[in-house]
Amino acid sequence: MTSLRGFPPMCCPSATTLILGSMPGNASLEAGQYYAHPRNAFWPIMEMVLGIDSRWAYGRRADELTSRGVAVWDVLGACERPGSLDSSIVPSSMRPNDFSAFFEAHGRIARVAFNGATAFRLYRRLVLQGLSARHAAIPAAVLPSTSPAMASMGLAAKAEAWRGVLGSLEG
């Protein structure tokens, strides 16, 4: 069984939108980058919705995204999981990130967007009850997962759903 640790948040102090995944997949962990799997639709969707070129170097894409007030993180900071699938995460090994500290440090967060239903379920189960009433009341949206495992919805339909939440951030 592989014990995994996630990444620190990708963000700037003035972030207004927090995008949450569940836990980085193996390709992302190996690359040290959010959404590094070549078939993950996250960066192509950011290109379609926000105009951030998915061919740019990772650092440039990350800088462009955070300059628009978007923070990226994961619900879990650590877990055990054979492979990359969320369904393989060992429930007893799940350790959520410290969202109370994150929200205190990033007081302008006005919405949370979940990259898939699993991230939302984990947040609701492991995080929400530990938040202050103010932080628990931040509006949230569950968006279609950008994971290649979520192939039942096409890229255009996923991008349209994401545009509904992030479209106001276009540069």
C-alpha atoms as a PDB file:
ATOM      1  CA  MET A   1       0.000   0.000   0.000  1.00  0.00           C
ATOM      2  CA  THR A   2       1.382   3.383  -0.962  1.00  0.00           C
ATOM      3  CA  SER A   3       1.186   6.247   1.519  1.00  0.00           C
ATOM      4  CA  LEU A   4       0.646   9.505  -0.370  1.00  0.00           C
ATOM      5  CA  ARG A   5       0.994  13.176   0.495  1.00  0.00           C
ATOM      6  CA  GLY A   6      -0.690  15.879  -1.545  1.00  0.00           C
ATOM      7  CA  PHE A   7       0.571  19.294  -2.577  1.00  0.00           C
ATOM      8  CA  PRO A   8       0.361  22.652  -0.842  1.00  0.00           C
ATOM      9  CA  PRO A   9      -2.362  24.880  -2.254  1.00  0.00           C
ATOM     10  CA  MET A  10      -1.694  26.668  -5.526  1.00  0.00           C
ATOM     11  CA  CYS A  11      -2.914  30.139  -4.654  1.00  0.00           C
ATOM     12  CA  CYS A  12      -2.306  33.799  -4.060  1.00  0.00           C
ATOM     13  CA  PRO A  13      -3.433  35.832  -1.015  1.00  0.00           C
ATOM     14  CA  SER A  14      -6.240  37.509  -2.971  1.00  0.00           C
ATOM     15  CA  ALA A  15      -7.869  34.279  -4.220  1.00  0.00           C
ATOM     16  CA  THR A  16     -11.661  34.400  -4.482  1.00  0.00           C
ATOM     17  CA  THR A  17     -12.379  30.934  -5.918  1.00  0.00           C
ATOM     18  CA  LEU A  18     -11.099  27.624  -4.540  1.00  0.00           C
ATOM     19  CA  ILE A  19     -11.108  24.558  -6.798  1.00  0.00           C
ATOM     20  CA  LEU A  20     -10.873  21.320  -4.831  1.00  0.00           C
ATOM     21  CA  GLY A  21     -10.000  17.868  -6.079  1.00  0.00           C
ATOM     22  CA  SER A  22      -9.861  14.772  -3.920  1.00  0.00           C
ATOM     23  CA  MET A  23      -6.165  13.730  -4.029  1.00  0.00           C
ATOM     24  CA  PRO A  24      -3.625  14.068  -6.848  1.00  0.00           C
ATOM     25  CA  GLY A  25      -3.266  11.020  -9.069  1.00  0.00           C
ATOM     26  CA  ASN A  26       0.028   9.216  -9.495  1.00  0.00           C
ATOM     27  CA  ALA A  27       1.004  11.101 -12.675  1.00  0.00           C
ATOM     28  CA  SER A  28       0.487  14.417 -10.867  1.00  0.00           C
ATOM     29  CA  LEU A  29       2.397  13.270  -7.786  1.00  0.00           C
ATOM     30  CA  GLU A  30       5.297  12.045  -9.928  1.00  0.00           C
ATOM     31  CA  ALA A  31       5.401  15.310 -11.910  1.00  0.00           C
ATOM     32  CA  GLY A  32       4.879  17.524  -8.854  1.00  0.00           C
ATOM     33  CA  GLN A  33       2.066  19.309 -10.701  1.00  0.00           C
ATOM     34  CA  TYR A  34      -1.671  19.585 -10.324  1.00  0.00           C
ATOM     35  CA  TYR A  35      -3.568  17.736 -13.066  1.00  0.00           C
ATOM     36  CA  ALA A  36      -0.471  16.402 -14.861  1.00  0.00           C
ATOM     37  CA  HIS A  37      -2.051  13.282 -16.397  1.00  0.00           C
ATOM     38  CA  PRO A  38      -2.069  13.916 -20.159  1.00  0.00           C
ATOM     39  CA  ARG A  39      -5.710  12.800 -20.457  1.00  0.00           C
ATOM     40  CA  ASN A  40      -6.971  14.895 -17.530  1.00  0.00           C
ATOM     41  CA  ALA A  41      -9.201  17.627 -18.933  1.00  0.00           C
ATOM     42  CA  PHE A  42      -8.430  20.275 -16.278  1.00  0.00           C
ATOM     43  CA  TRP A  43      -5.941  22.333 -18.285  1.00  0.00           C
ATOM     44  CA  PRO A  44      -7.823  21.987 -21.600  1.00  0.00           C
ATOM     45  CA  ILE A  45     -10.943  23.207 -19.765  1.00  0.00           C
ATOM     46  CA  MET A  46      -9.000  26.144 -18.281  1.00  0.00           C
ATOM     47  CA  GLU A  47      -7.962  26.957 -21.854  1.00  0.00           C
ATOM     48  CA  MET A  48     -11.543  26.776 -23.145  1.00  0.00           C
ATOM     49  CA  VAL A  49     -13.038  28.735 -20.228  1.00  0.00           C
ATOM     50  CA  LEU A  50     -10.285  31.168 -19.214  1.00  0.00           C
ATOM     51  CA  GLY A  51      -7.970  31.264 -22.225  1.00  0.00           C
ATOM     52  CA  ILE A  52      -4.996  29.779 -20.347  1.00  0.00           C
ATOM     53  CA  ASP A  53      -3.048  27.950 -23.046  1.00  0.00           C
ATOM     54  CA  SER A  54      -2.703  24.301 -22.027  1.00  0.00           C
ATOM     55  CA  ARG A  55       0.620  24.098 -23.947  1.00  0.00           C
ATOM     56  CA  TRP A  56       2.307  26.681 -21.728  1.00  0.00           C
ATOM     57  CA  ALA A  57       4.812  25.468 -19.164  1.00  0.00           C
ATOM     58  CA  TYR A  58       3.176  24.413 -15.919  1.00  0.00           C
ATOM     59  CA  GLY A  59       4.562  27.381 -13.969  1.00  0.00           C
ATOM     60  CA  ARG A  60       3.108  29.852 -16.439  1.00  0.00           C
ATOM     61  CA  ARG A  61      -0.304  28.138 -16.403  1.00  0.00           C
ATOM     62  CA  ALA A  62      -0.297  28.097 -12.598  1.00  0.00           C
ATOM     63  CA  ASP A  63       0.704  31.778 -12.421  1.00  0.00           C
ATOM     64  CA  GLU A  64      -1.995  32.746 -14.907  1.00  0.00           C
ATOM     65  CA  LEU A  65      -4.656  30.800 -13.031  1.00  0.00           C
ATOM     66  CA  THR A  66      -3.739  32.247  -9.636  1.00  0.00           C
ATOM     67  CA  SER A  67      -3.539  35.758 -11.102  1.00  0.00           C
ATOM     68  CA  ARG A  68      -7.253  35.367 -11.893  1.00  0.00           C
ATOM     69  CA  GLY A  69      -8.008  34.739  -8.217  1.00  0.00           C
ATOM     70  CA  VAL A  70      -8.244  30.954  -8.492  1.00  0.00           C
ATOM     71  CA  ALA A  71      -6.731  28.668  -5.869  1.00  0.00           C
ATOM     72  CA  VAL A  72      -6.325  24.921  -6.433  1.00  0.00           C
ATOM     73  CA  TRP A  73      -6.009  22.327  -3.682  1.00  0.00           C
ATOM     74  CA  ASP A  74      -7.305  18.926  -2.632  1.00  0.00           C
ATOM     75  CA  VAL A  75      -9.583  17.818   0.153  1.00  0.00           C
ATOM     76  CA  LEU A  76      -7.102  15.175   1.275  1.00  0.00           C
ATOM     77  CA  GLY A  77      -3.612  16.039   2.374  1.00  0.00           C
ATOM     78  CA  ALA A  78      -2.628  12.398   2.853  1.00  0.00           C
ATOM     79  CA  CYS A  79      -4.002   8.926   2.298  1.00  0.00           C
ATOM     80  CA  GLU A  80      -3.121   5.411   1.251  1.00  0.00           C
ATOM     81  CA  ARG A  81      -4.155   4.311  -2.214  1.00  0.00           C
ATOM     82  CA  PRO A  82      -3.015   1.600  -4.587  1.00  0.00           C
ATOM     83  CA  GLY A  83      -3.079   3.173  -8.056  1.00  0.00           C
ATOM     84  CA  SER A  84      -4.699   6.492  -8.920  1.00  0.00           C
ATOM     85  CA  LEU A  85      -8.440   5.922  -8.573  1.00  0.00           C
ATOM     86  CA  ASP A  86     -10.346   7.737  -5.832  1.00  0.00           C
ATOM     87  CA  SER A  87     -12.334   4.557  -5.300  1.00  0.00           C
ATOM     88  CA  SER A  88      -9.094   2.839  -4.195  1.00  0.00           C
ATOM     89  CA  ILE A  89      -8.379   5.258  -1.332  1.00  0.00           C
ATOM     90  CA  VAL A  90      -8.309   3.394   1.987  1.00  0.00           C
ATOM     91  CA  PRO A  91     -10.995   5.162   4.063  1.00  0.00           C
ATOM     92  CA  SER A  92      -9.177   4.791   7.391  1.00  0.00           C
ATOM     93  CA  SER A  93      -6.093   6.489   5.906  1.00  0.00           C
ATOM     94  CA  MET A  94      -7.815   9.707   4.813  1.00  0.00           C
ATOM     95  CA  ARG A  95      -6.333  12.866   6.334  1.00  0.00           C
ATOM     96  CA  PRO A  96      -7.970  16.117   5.227  1.00  0.00           C
ATOM     97  CA  ASN A  97      -6.063  19.320   4.663  1.00  0.00           C
ATOM     98  CA  ASP A  98      -6.405  22.134   7.225  1.00  0.00           C
ATOM     99  CA  PHE A  99      -9.206  24.176   5.708  1.00  0.00           C
ATOM    100  CA  SER A 100      -9.817  26.286   8.800  1.00  0.00           C
ATOM    101  CA  ALA A 101      -6.290  27.686   8.518  1.00  0.00           C
ATOM    102  CA  PHE A 102      -6.593  28.023   4.734  1.00  0.00           C
ATOM    103  CA  PHE A 103      -9.830  30.018   4.911  1.00  0.00           C
ATOM    104  CA  GLU A 104      -8.450  32.226   7.691  1.00  0.00           C
ATOM    105  CA  ALA A 105      -5.388  32.993   5.549  1.00  0.00           C
ATOM    106  CA  HIS A 106      -7.470  33.508   2.392  1.00  0.00           C
ATOM    107  CA  GLY A 107     -10.397  35.551   3.633  1.00  0.00           C
ATOM    108  CA  ARG A 108     -11.559  36.587   0.161  1.00  0.00           C
ATOM    109  CA  ILE A 109     -12.590  33.061  -0.888  1.00  0.00           C
ATOM    110  CA  ALA A 110     -16.195  33.538  -1.963  1.00  0.00           C
ATOM    111  CA  ARG A 111     -16.896  30.190  -3.634  1.00  0.00           C
ATOM    112  CA  VAL A 112     -15.658  26.630  -3.675  1.00  0.00           C
ATOM    113  CA  ALA A 113     -15.815  24.547  -6.847  1.00  0.00           C
ATOM    114  CA  PHE A 114     -15.424  20.801  -6.483  1.00  0.00           C
ATOM    115  CA  ASN A 115     -13.704  18.939  -9.288  1.00  0.00           C
ATOM    116  CA  GLY A 116     -16.096  16.016  -9.172  1.00  0.00           C
ATOM    117  CA  ALA A 117     -18.577  14.523  -6.757  1.00  0.00           C
ATOM    118  CA  THR A 118     -15.958  12.546  -4.832  1.00  0.00           C
ATOM    119  CA  ALA A 119     -14.173  15.722  -3.743  1.00  0.00           C
ATOM    120  CA  PHE A 120     -17.509  17.147  -2.591  1.00  0.00           C
ATOM    121  CA  ARG A 121     -18.425  14.006  -0.630  1.00  0.00           C
ATOM    122  CA  LEU A 122     -15.026  13.915   1.087  1.00  0.00           C
ATOM    123  CA  TYR A 123     -15.265  17.622   1.975  1.00  0.00           C
ATOM    124  CA  ARG A 124     -18.774  17.219   3.350  1.00  0.00           C
ATOM    125  CA  ARG A 125     -17.784  14.154   5.386  1.00  0.00           C
ATOM    126  CA  LEU A 126     -14.297  15.114   6.612  1.00  0.00           C
ATOM    127  CA  VAL A 127     -14.116  18.922   6.591  1.00  0.00           C
ATOM    128  CA  LEU A 128     -17.420  20.761   6.743  1.00  0.00           C
ATOM    129  CA  GLN A 129     -18.335  20.002  10.374  1.00  0.00           C
ATOM    130  CA  GLY A 130     -14.974  21.344  11.563  1.00  0.00           C
ATOM    131  CA  LEU A 131     -15.330  24.739   9.904  1.00  0.00           C
ATOM    132  CA  SER A 132     -16.623  27.942  11.448  1.00  0.00           C
ATOM    133  CA  ALA A 133     -20.189  28.838  10.475  1.00  0.00           C
ATOM    134  CA  ARG A 134     -18.839  31.599   8.201  1.00  0.00           C
ATOM    135  CA  HIS A 135     -16.519  29.246   6.330  1.00  0.00           C
ATOM    136  CA  ALA A 136     -19.056  26.425   6.169  1.00  0.00           C
ATOM    137  CA  ALA A 137     -21.492  28.832   4.479  1.00  0.00           C
ATOM    138  CA  ILE A 138     -19.192  29.641   1.532  1.00  0.00           C
ATOM    139  CA  PRO A 139     -21.215  28.840  -1.619  1.00  0.00           C
ATOM    140  CA  ALA A 140     -20.157  25.639  -3.333  1.00  0.00           C
ATOM    141  CA  ALA A 141     -20.642  24.063  -6.750  1.00  0.00           C
ATOM    142  CA  VAL A 142     -20.001  20.470  -7.755  1.00  0.00           C
ATOM    143  CA  LEU A 143     -18.556  20.378 -11.274  1.00  0.00           C
ATOM    144  CA  PRO A 144     -17.972  17.427 -13.592  1.00  0.00           C
ATOM    145  CA  SER A 145     -14.700  15.689 -12.816  1.00  0.00           C
ATOM    146  CA  THR A 146     -11.864  16.434 -15.215  1.00  0.00           C
ATOM    147  CA  SER A 147     -10.421  12.967 -14.563  1.00  0.00           C
ATOM    148  CA  PRO A 148      -9.950  10.635 -17.523  1.00  0.00           C
ATOM    149  CA  ALA A 149     -11.938   8.097 -15.472  1.00  0.00           C
ATOM    150  CA  MET A 150     -15.002  10.371 -15.949  1.00  0.00           C
ATOM    151  CA  ALA A 151     -15.412   9.661 -19.664  1.00  0.00           C
ATOM    152  CA  SER A 152     -19.211   9.601 -19.797  1.00  0.00           C
ATOM    153  CA  MET A 153     -19.313  13.372 -20.423  1.00  0.00           C
ATOM    154  CA  GLY A 154     -17.528  15.013 -23.328  1.00  0.00           C
ATOM    155  CA  LEU A 155     -14.999  17.821 -23.058  1.00  0.00           C
ATOM    156  CA  ALA A 156     -17.341  20.498 -24.446  1.00  0.00           C
ATOM    157  CA  ALA A 157     -20.083  19.646 -21.941  1.00  0.00           C
ATOM    158  CA  LYS A 158     -17.596  19.637 -19.059  1.00  0.00           C
ATOM    159  CA  ALA A 159     -16.204  22.999 -20.178  1.00  0.00           C
ATOM    160  CA  GLU A 160     -19.702  24.475 -20.348  1.00  0.00           C
ATOM    161  CA  ALA A 161     -20.413  23.407 -16.761  1.00  0.00           C
ATOM    162  CA  TRP A 162     -17.078  24.862 -15.594  1.00  0.00           C
ATOM    163  CA  ARG A 163     -17.763  28.075 -17.532  1.00  0.00           C
ATOM    164  CA  GLY A 164     -20.907  28.546 -15.471  1.00  0.00           C
ATOM    165  CA  VAL A 165     -18.759  28.881 -12.349  1.00  0.00           C
ATOM    166  CA  LEU A 166     -15.491  30.341 -13.690  1.00  0.00           C
ATOM    167  CA  GLY A 167     -16.671  32.339 -16.701  1.00  0.00           C
ATOM    168  CA  SER A 168     -16.651  35.611 -14.766  1.00  0.00           C
ATOM    169  CA  LEU A 169     -12.876  35.225 -14.296  1.00  0.00           C
ATOM    170  CA  GLU A 170     -12.021  35.387 -18.007  1.00  0.00           C
ATOM    171  CA  GLY A 171      -9.006  37.550 -18.683  1.00  0.00           C
END
